[in-house]
PDB file of all heavy atoms in Angstrom:
ATOM      1  N   THR A   1     -86.129 -26.313  25.052  1.00  0.00           N
ATOM      2  CA  THR A   1     -85.951 -26.490  26.424  1.00  0.00           C
ATOM      3  C   THR A   1     -84.522 -26.064  26.935  1.00  0.00           C
ATOM      4  O   THR A   1     -84.177 -26.290  28.080  1.00  0.00           O
ATOM      5  CB  THR A   1     -86.085 -27.945  26.778  1.00  0.00           C
ATOM      6  OG1 THR A   1     -85.100 -28.780  26.117  1.00  0.00           O
ATOM      7  CG2 THR A   1     -87.482 -28.541  26.373  1.00  0.00           C
ATOM      8  N   ASN A   2     -83.771 -25.410  26.077  1.00  0.00           N
ATOM      9  CA  ASN A   2     -82.490 -24.972  26.444  1.00  0.00           C
ATOM     10  C   ASN A   2     -81.586 -26.128  26.901  1.00  0.00           C
ATOM     11  O   ASN A   2     -80.918 -26.074  27.912  1.00  0.00           O
ATOM     12  CB  ASN A   2     -82.528 -23.841  27.519  1.00  0.00           C
ATOM     13  CG  ASN A   2     -81.251 -23.073  27.614  1.00  0.00           C
ATOM     14  OD1 ASN A   2     -80.447 -22.985  26.692  1.00  0.00           O
ATOM     15  ND2 ASN A   2     -81.032 -22.542  28.812  1.00  0.00           N
ATOM     16  N   ASN A   3     -81.702 -27.250  26.191  1.00  0.00           N
ATOM     17  CA  ASN A   3     -80.853 -28.463  26.460  1.00  0.00           C
ATOM     18  C   ASN A   3     -81.183 -29.095  27.871  1.00  0.00           C
ATOM     19  O   ASN A   3     -80.304 -29.799  28.394  1.00  0.00           O
ATOM     20  CB  ASN A   3     -79.329 -28.135  26.373  1.00  0.00           C
ATOM     21  CG  ASN A   3     -78.981 -27.794  24.943  1.00  0.00           C
ATOM     22  OD1 ASN A   3     -79.403 -28.393  23.969  1.00  0.00           O
ATOM     23  ND2 ASN A   3     -78.171 -26.711  24.790  1.00  0.00           N
ATOM     24  N   ASN A   4     -82.391 -28.872  28.370  1.00  0.00           N
ATOM     25  CA  ASN A   4     -82.662 -29.446  29.653  1.00  0.00           C
ATOM     26  C   ASN A   4     -83.411 -30.802  29.627  1.00  0.00           C
ATOM     27  O   ASN A   4     -84.083 -31.168  30.551  1.00  0.00           O
ATOM     28  CB  ASN A   4     -83.550 -28.433  30.422  1.00  0.00           C
ATOM     29  CG  ASN A   4     -82.768 -27.298  31.043  1.00  0.00           C
ATOM     30  OD1 ASN A   4     -81.635 -27.575  31.508  1.00  0.00           O
ATOM     31  ND2 ASN A   4     -83.224 -26.103  30.992  1.00  0.00           N
ATOM     32  N   VAL A   5     -83.246 -31.462  28.493  1.00  0.00           N
ATOM     33  CA  VAL A   5     -83.781 -32.868  28.330  1.00  0.00           C
ATOM     34  C   VAL A   5     -82.632 -33.713  27.903  1.00  0.00           C
ATOM     35  O   VAL A   5     -81.882 -33.315  26.985  1.00  0.00           O
ATOM     36  CB  VAL A   5     -84.972 -32.910  27.388  1.00  0.00           C
ATOM     37  CG1 VAL A   5     -85.387 -34.350  27.158  1.00  0.00           C
ATOM     38  CG2 VAL A   5     -86.112 -32.004  27.889  1.00  0.00           C
ATOM     39  N   LEU A   6     -82.471 -34.913  28.473  1.00  0.00           N
ATOM     40  CA  LEU A   6     -81.445 -35.853  28.070  1.00  0.00           C
ATOM     41  C   LEU A   6     -82.140 -36.857  27.101  1.00  0.00           C
ATOM     42  O   LEU A   6     -83.124 -37.528  27.425  1.00  0.00           O
ATOM     43  CB  LEU A   6     -80.921 -36.562  29.244  1.00  0.00           C
ATOM     44  CG  LEU A   6     -79.680 -37.486  29.054  1.00  0.00           C
ATOM     45  CD1 LEU A   6     -78.490 -36.718  28.460  1.00  0.00           C
ATOM     46  CD2 LEU A   6     -79.282 -38.130  30.393  1.00  0.00           C
ATOM     47  N   ILE A   7     -81.612 -36.993  25.902  1.00  0.00           N
ATOM     48  CA  ILE A   7     -82.204 -37.821  24.836  1.00  0.00           C
ATOM     49  C   ILE A   7     -81.170 -38.962  24.591  1.00  0.00           C
ATOM     50  O   ILE A   7     -80.033 -38.712  24.093  1.00  0.00           O
ATOM     51  CB  ILE A   7     -82.488 -37.072  23.533  1.00  0.00           C
ATOM     52  CG1 ILE A   7     -83.432 -35.943  23.874  1.00  0.00           C
ATOM     53  CG2 ILE A   7     -83.088 -37.981  22.494  1.00  0.00           C
ATOM     54  CD1 ILE A   7     -83.725 -34.992  22.688  1.00  0.00           C
ATOM     55  N   LEU A   8     -81.591 -40.212  24.928  1.00  0.00           N
ATOM     56  CA  LEU A   8     -80.706 -41.365  24.876  1.00  0.00           C
ATOM     57  C   LEU A   8     -81.287 -42.434  23.957  1.00  0.00           C
ATOM     58  O   LEU A   8     -82.462 -42.684  23.981  1.00  0.00           O
ATOM     59  CB  LEU A   8     -80.550 -41.968  26.304  1.00  0.00           C
ATOM     60  CG  LEU A   8     -80.032 -41.058  27.392  1.00  0.00           C
ATOM     61  CD1 LEU A   8     -80.074 -41.780  28.729  1.00  0.00           C
ATOM     62  CD2 LEU A   8     -78.629 -40.602  27.077  1.00  0.00           C
ATOM     63  N   LYS A   9     -80.431 -43.026  23.211  1.00  0.00           N
ATOM     64  CA  LYS A   9     -80.865 -44.124  22.256  1.00  0.00           C
ATOM     65  C   LYS A   9     -79.990 -45.348  22.560  1.00  0.00           C
ATOM     66  O   LYS A   9     -78.772 -45.264  22.556  1.00  0.00           O
ATOM     67  CB  LYS A   9     -80.746 -43.663  20.817  1.00  0.00           C
ATOM     68  CG  LYS A   9     -81.312 -44.693  19.855  1.00  0.00           C
ATOM     69  CD  LYS A   9     -81.245 -44.102  18.412  1.00  0.00           C
ATOM     70  CE  LYS A   9     -82.324 -43.065  18.240  1.00  0.00           C
ATOM     71  NZ  LYS A   9     -83.665 -43.597  18.409  1.00  0.00           N
ATOM     72  N   TYR A  10     -80.668 -46.469  22.736  1.00  0.00           N
ATOM     73  CA  TYR A  10     -79.984 -47.794  22.866  1.00  0.00           C
ATOM     74  C   TYR A  10     -80.322 -48.626  21.667  1.00  0.00           C
ATOM     75  O   TYR A  10     -81.446 -48.790  21.273  1.00  0.00           O
ATOM     76  CB  TYR A  10     -80.466 -48.471  24.157  1.00  0.00           C
ATOM     77  CG  TYR A  10     -79.929 -47.938  25.461  1.00  0.00           C
ATOM     78  CD1 TYR A  10     -80.463 -46.818  26.037  1.00  0.00           C
ATOM     79  CD2 TYR A  10     -78.854 -48.578  26.140  1.00  0.00           C
ATOM     80  CE1 TYR A  10     -80.026 -46.311  27.259  1.00  0.00           C
ATOM     81  CE2 TYR A  10     -78.408 -48.123  27.386  1.00  0.00           C
ATOM     82  CZ  TYR A  10     -78.941 -46.957  27.851  1.00  0.00           C
ATOM     83  OH  TYR A  10     -78.483 -46.483  29.032  1.00  0.00           O
ATOM     84  N   ILE A  11     -79.214 -49.153  21.061  1.00  0.00           N
ATOM     85  CA  ILE A  11     -79.417 -50.052  19.871  1.00  0.00           C
ATOM     86  C   ILE A  11     -78.735 -51.351  20.222  1.00  0.00           C
ATOM     87  O   ILE A  11     -77.577 -51.410  20.628  1.00  0.00           O
ATOM     88  CB  ILE A  11     -78.794 -49.444  18.583  1.00  0.00           C
ATOM     89  CG1 ILE A  11     -79.222 -47.986  18.437  1.00  0.00           C
ATOM     90  CG2 ILE A  11     -79.034 -50.321  17.408  1.00  0.00           C
ATOM     91  CD1 ILE A  11     -78.509 -47.242  17.273  1.00  0.00           C
ATOM     92  N   SER A  12     -79.492 -52.471  20.003  1.00  0.00           N
ATOM     93  CA  SER A  12     -78.913 -53.798  20.187  1.00  0.00           C
ATOM     94  C   SER A  12     -78.877 -54.501  18.819  1.00  0.00           C
ATOM     95  O   SER A  12     -79.778 -55.259  18.514  1.00  0.00           O
ATOM     96  CB  SER A  12     -79.739 -54.557  21.199  1.00  0.00           C
ATOM     97  OG  SER A  12     -79.153 -55.868  21.407  1.00  0.00           O
ATOM     98  N   PRO A  13     -77.884 -54.230  17.963  1.00  0.00           N
ATOM     99  CA  PRO A  13     -77.855 -54.763  16.609  1.00  0.00           C
ATOM    100  C   PRO A  13     -77.194 -56.152  16.530  1.00  0.00           C
ATOM    101  O   PRO A  13     -76.497 -56.566  17.464  1.00  0.00           O
ATOM    102  CB  PRO A  13     -76.972 -53.746  15.907  1.00  0.00           C
ATOM    103  CG  PRO A  13     -75.940 -53.351  16.921  1.00  0.00           C
ATOM    104  CD  PRO A  13     -76.725 -53.419  18.299  1.00  0.00           C
ATOM    105  N   LYS A  14     -77.543 -56.848  15.424  1.00  0.00           N
ATOM    106  CA  LYS A  14     -76.872 -58.108  15.201  1.00  0.00           C
ATOM    107  C   LYS A  14     -75.357 -57.856  14.897  1.00  0.00           C
ATOM    108  O   LYS A  14     -74.529 -58.652  15.292  1.00  0.00           O
ATOM    109  CB  LYS A  14     -77.534 -58.845  14.039  1.00  0.00           C
ATOM    110  CG  LYS A  14     -78.922 -59.412  14.374  1.00  0.00           C
ATOM    111  CD  LYS A  14     -79.511 -60.167  13.217  1.00  0.00           C
ATOM    112  CE  LYS A  14     -80.867 -60.740  13.592  1.00  0.00           C
ATOM    113  NZ  LYS A  14     -81.460 -61.468  12.476  1.00  0.00           N
ATOM    114  N   ARG A  15     -75.117 -56.791  14.157  1.00  0.00           N
ATOM    115  CA  ARG A  15     -73.713 -56.478  13.725  1.00  0.00           C
ATOM    116  C   ARG A  15     -73.419 -55.072  14.152  1.00  0.00           C
ATOM    117  O   ARG A  15     -74.131 -54.114  13.707  1.00  0.00           O
ATOM    118  CB  ARG A  15     -73.506 -56.697  12.278  1.00  0.00           C
ATOM    119  CG  ARG A  15     -73.467 -58.159  11.845  1.00  0.00           C
ATOM    120  CD  ARG A  15     -73.290 -58.320  10.375  1.00  0.00           C
ATOM    121  NE  ARG A  15     -74.559 -57.978   9.664  1.00  0.00           N
ATOM    122  CZ  ARG A  15     -75.602 -58.788   9.453  1.00  0.00           C
ATOM    123  NH1 ARG A  15     -75.511 -60.010   9.949  1.00  0.00           N
ATOM    124  NH2 ARG A  15     -76.651 -58.386   8.851  1.00  0.00           N
ATOM    125  N   GLN A  16     -72.431 -54.862  14.934  1.00  0.00           N
ATOM    126  CA  GLN A  16     -72.061 -53.530  15.453  1.00  0.00           C
ATOM    127  C   GLN A  16     -71.719 -52.578  14.344  1.00  0.00           C
ATOM    128  O   GLN A  16     -72.037 -51.410  14.389  1.00  0.00           O
ATOM    129  CB  GLN A  16     -70.921 -53.628  16.429  1.00  0.00           C
ATOM    130  CG  GLN A  16     -70.477 -52.299  17.053  1.00  0.00           C
ATOM    131  CD  GLN A  16     -69.362 -52.459  18.089  1.00  0.00           C
ATOM    132  OE1 GLN A  16     -68.806 -53.532  18.240  1.00  0.00           O
ATOM    133  NE2 GLN A  16     -68.960 -51.384  18.708  1.00  0.00           N
ATOM    134  N   SER A  17     -71.055 -53.141  13.283  1.00  0.00           N
ATOM    135  CA  SER A  17     -70.597 -52.296  12.147  1.00  0.00           C
ATOM    136  C   SER A  17     -71.726 -51.642  11.445  1.00  0.00           C
ATOM    137  O   SER A  17     -71.622 -50.496  11.018  1.00  0.00           O
ATOM    138  CB  SER A  17     -69.772 -53.138  11.184  1.00  0.00           C
ATOM    139  OG  SER A  17     -70.538 -54.272  10.712  1.00  0.00           O
ATOM    140  N   GLU A  18     -72.907 -52.343  11.331  1.00  0.00           N
ATOM    141  CA  GLU A  18     -74.038 -51.730  10.703  1.00  0.00           C
ATOM    142  C   GLU A  18     -74.601 -50.570  11.451  1.00  0.00           C
ATOM    143  O   GLU A  18     -74.972 -49.521  10.830  1.00  0.00           O
ATOM    144  CB  GLU A  18     -75.135 -52.832  10.539  1.00  0.00           C
ATOM    145  CG  GLU A  18     -74.810 -53.835   9.440  1.00  0.00           C
ATOM    146  CD  GLU A  18     -75.973 -54.864   9.277  1.00  0.00           C
ATOM    147  OE1 GLU A  18     -76.963 -54.734  10.077  1.00  0.00           O
ATOM    148  OE2 GLU A  18     -75.915 -55.692   8.396  1.00  0.00           O
ATOM    149  N   ALA A  19     -74.655 -50.694  12.789  1.00  0.00           N
ATOM    150  CA  ALA A  19     -75.158 -49.568  13.584  1.00  0.00           C
ATOM    151  C   ALA A  19     -74.208 -48.398  13.521  1.00  0.00           C
ATOM    152  O   ALA A  19     -74.615 -47.206  13.391  1.00  0.00           O
ATOM    153  CB  ALA A  19     -75.305 -50.077  15.037  1.00  0.00           C
ATOM    154  N   LEU A  20     -72.922 -48.630  13.558  1.00  0.00           N
ATOM    155  CA  LEU A  20     -71.884 -47.597  13.553  1.00  0.00           C
ATOM    156  C   LEU A  20     -72.009 -46.852  12.183  1.00  0.00           C
ATOM    157  O   LEU A  20     -71.982 -45.633  12.142  1.00  0.00           O
ATOM    158  CB  LEU A  20     -70.502 -48.168  13.733  1.00  0.00           C
ATOM    159  CG  LEU A  20     -70.110 -48.477  15.143  1.00  0.00           C
ATOM    160  CD1 LEU A  20     -68.730 -49.250  15.127  1.00  0.00           C
ATOM    161  CD2 LEU A  20     -69.952 -47.206  15.974  1.00  0.00           C
ATOM    162  N   PHE A  21     -72.115 -47.637  11.092  1.00  0.00           N
ATOM    163  CA  PHE A  21     -72.219 -47.042   9.774  1.00  0.00           C
ATOM    164  C   PHE A  21     -73.478 -46.138   9.672  1.00  0.00           C
ATOM    165  O   PHE A  21     -73.422 -44.991   9.138  1.00  0.00           O
ATOM    166  CB  PHE A  21     -72.341 -48.122   8.673  1.00  0.00           C
ATOM    167  CG  PHE A  21     -72.451 -47.635   7.312  1.00  0.00           C
ATOM    168  CD1 PHE A  21     -71.339 -47.164   6.592  1.00  0.00           C
ATOM    169  CD2 PHE A  21     -73.746 -47.578   6.708  1.00  0.00           C
ATOM    170  CE1 PHE A  21     -71.512 -46.692   5.295  1.00  0.00           C
ATOM    171  CE2 PHE A  21     -73.880 -47.088   5.384  1.00  0.00           C
ATOM    172  CZ  PHE A  21     -72.782 -46.615   4.688  1.00  0.00           C
ATOM    173  N   GLU A  22     -74.565 -46.533  10.189  1.00  0.00           N
ATOM    174  CA  GLU A  22     -75.822 -45.769  10.142  1.00  0.00           C
ATOM    175  C   GLU A  22     -75.670 -44.481  10.942  1.00  0.00           C
ATOM    176  O   GLU A  22     -76.139 -43.422  10.543  1.00  0.00           O
ATOM    177  CB  GLU A  22     -77.001 -46.614  10.650  1.00  0.00           C
ATOM    178  CG  GLU A  22     -78.350 -46.026  10.387  1.00  0.00           C
ATOM    179  CD  GLU A  22     -78.662 -45.929   8.923  1.00  0.00           C
ATOM    180  OE1 GLU A  22     -78.162 -46.758   8.205  1.00  0.00           O
ATOM    181  OE2 GLU A  22     -79.412 -45.070   8.554  1.00  0.00           O
ATOM    182  N   ILE A  23     -75.057 -44.588  12.135  1.00  0.00           N
ATOM    183  CA  ILE A  23     -74.890 -43.383  13.024  1.00  0.00           C
ATOM    184  C   ILE A  23     -73.959 -42.349  12.320  1.00  0.00           C
ATOM    185  O   ILE A  23     -74.315 -41.169  12.293  1.00  0.00           O
ATOM    186  CB  ILE A  23     -74.258 -43.783  14.345  1.00  0.00           C
ATOM    187  CG1 ILE A  23     -75.324 -44.589  15.198  1.00  0.00           C
ATOM    188  CG2 ILE A  23     -73.798 -42.563  15.160  1.00  0.00           C
ATOM    189  CD1 ILE A  23     -74.727 -45.335  16.353  1.00  0.00           C
ATOM    190  N   ILE A  24     -72.863 -42.832  11.719  1.00  0.00           N
ATOM    191  CA  ILE A  24     -71.928 -41.911  11.060  1.00  0.00           C
ATOM    192  C   ILE A  24     -72.489 -41.285   9.837  1.00  0.00           C
ATOM    193  O   ILE A  24     -72.453 -40.057   9.659  1.00  0.00           O
ATOM    194  CB  ILE A  24     -70.589 -42.582  10.773  1.00  0.00           C
ATOM    195  CG1 ILE A  24     -69.942 -43.168  12.092  1.00  0.00           C
ATOM    196  CG2 ILE A  24     -69.642 -41.706  10.103  1.00  0.00           C
ATOM    197  CD1 ILE A  24     -69.676 -42.044  13.177  1.00  0.00           C
ATOM    198  N   THR A  25     -73.086 -42.129   9.015  1.00  0.00           N
ATOM    199  CA  THR A  25     -73.598 -41.585   7.727  1.00  0.00           C
ATOM    200  C   THR A  25     -74.791 -40.661   7.925  1.00  0.00           C
ATOM    201  O   THR A  25     -75.077 -39.804   7.076  1.00  0.00           O
ATOM    202  CB  THR A  25     -73.977 -42.734   6.746  1.00  0.00           C
ATOM    203  OG1 THR A  25     -74.912 -43.613   7.393  1.00  0.00           O
ATOM    204  CG2 THR A  25     -72.701 -43.503   6.405  1.00  0.00           C
ATOM    205  N   SER A  26     -75.568 -40.921   9.025  1.00  0.00           N
ATOM    206  CA  SER A  26     -76.655 -40.011   9.316  1.00  0.00           C
ATOM    207  C   SER A  26     -76.259 -38.779  10.092  1.00  0.00           C
ATOM    208  O   SER A  26     -77.051 -37.877  10.342  1.00  0.00           O
ATOM    209  CB  SER A  26     -77.733 -40.769  10.161  1.00  0.00           C
ATOM    210  OG  SER A  26     -78.216 -41.882   9.428  1.00  0.00           O
ATOM    211  N   ASP A  27     -74.987 -38.648  10.363  1.00  0.00           N
ATOM    212  CA  ASP A  27     -74.391 -37.548  11.221  1.00  0.00           C
ATOM    213  C   ASP A  27     -75.289 -37.350  12.482  1.00  0.00           C
ATOM    214  O   ASP A  27     -75.655 -36.208  12.871  1.00  0.00           O
ATOM    215  CB  ASP A  27     -74.506 -36.255  10.314  1.00  0.00           C
ATOM    216  CG  ASP A  27     -73.633 -35.120  10.906  1.00  0.00           C
ATOM    217  OD1 ASP A  27     -72.685 -35.418  11.695  1.00  0.00           O
ATOM    218  OD2 ASP A  27     -73.975 -33.968  10.678  1.00  0.00           O
ATOM    219  N   TYR A  28     -75.521 -38.492  13.127  1.00  0.00           N
ATOM    220  CA  TYR A  28     -76.351 -38.484  14.338  1.00  0.00           C
ATOM    221  C   TYR A  28     -75.410 -38.265  15.561  1.00  0.00           C
ATOM    222  O   TYR A  28     -74.701 -39.206  15.955  1.00  0.00           O
ATOM    223  CB  TYR A  28     -77.118 -39.816  14.455  1.00  0.00           C
ATOM    224  CG  TYR A  28     -78.135 -39.784  15.589  1.00  0.00           C
ATOM    225  CD1 TYR A  28     -79.375 -39.188  15.370  1.00  0.00           C
ATOM    226  CD2 TYR A  28     -77.883 -40.339  16.779  1.00  0.00           C
ATOM    227  CE1 TYR A  28     -80.305 -39.133  16.407  1.00  0.00           C
ATOM    228  CE2 TYR A  28     -78.769 -40.349  17.825  1.00  0.00           C
ATOM    229  CZ  TYR A  28     -80.034 -39.785  17.587  1.00  0.00           C
ATOM    230  OH  TYR A  28     -80.943 -39.734  18.643  1.00  0.00           O
ATOM    231  N   ASN A  29     -75.446 -37.040  16.077  1.00  0.00           N
ATOM    232  CA  ASN A  29     -74.501 -36.690  17.178  1.00  0.00           C
ATOM    233  C   ASN A  29     -75.181 -36.600  18.529  1.00  0.00           C
ATOM    234  O   ASN A  29     -74.843 -35.693  19.297  1.00  0.00           O
ATOM    235  CB  ASN A  29     -73.814 -35.335  16.804  1.00  0.00           C
ATOM    236  CG  ASN A  29     -72.943 -35.486  15.574  1.00  0.00           C
ATOM    237  OD1 ASN A  29     -72.243 -36.445  15.381  1.00  0.00           O
ATOM    238  ND2 ASN A  29     -73.105 -34.501  14.691  1.00  0.00           N
ATOM    239  N   TYR A  30     -76.078 -37.512  18.757  1.00  0.00           N
ATOM    240  CA  TYR A  30     -76.761 -37.523  20.093  1.00  0.00           C
ATOM    241  C   TYR A  30     -76.360 -38.818  20.804  1.00  0.00           C
ATOM    242  O   TYR A  30     -76.124 -39.875  20.117  1.00  0.00           O
ATOM    243  CB  TYR A  30     -78.264 -37.384  19.884  1.00  0.00           C
ATOM    244  CG  TYR A  30     -78.629 -36.078  19.261  1.00  0.00           C
ATOM    245  CD1 TYR A  30     -78.781 -36.014  17.847  1.00  0.00           C
ATOM    246  CD2 TYR A  30     -78.857 -34.921  19.952  1.00  0.00           C
ATOM    247  CE1 TYR A  30     -79.109 -34.819  17.250  1.00  0.00           C
ATOM    248  CE2 TYR A  30     -79.166 -33.727  19.355  1.00  0.00           C
ATOM    249  CZ  TYR A  30     -79.320 -33.666  17.984  1.00  0.00           C
ATOM    250  OH  TYR A  30     -79.617 -32.487  17.378  1.00  0.00           O
ATOM    251  N   PRO A  31     -76.376 -38.874  22.127  1.00  0.00           N
ATOM    252  CA  PRO A  31     -75.920 -40.082  22.875  1.00  0.00           C
ATOM    253  C   PRO A  31     -76.583 -41.399  22.444  1.00  0.00           C
ATOM    254  O   PRO A  31     -77.779 -41.484  22.566  1.00  0.00           O
ATOM    255  CB  PRO A  31     -76.275 -39.710  24.348  1.00  0.00           C
ATOM    256  CG  PRO A  31     -76.206 -38.230  24.381  1.00  0.00           C
ATOM    257  CD  PRO A  31     -76.817 -37.788  23.037  1.00  0.00           C
TER     258      PRO A  31
END
């Protein structure tokens, strides 16, 4: 789509550190 779609993910974790660790280790670079 030539970047014409906005892909957003909302996470409501019990512990913020767990979510951050998963995002960084998965190299997930989307909003």
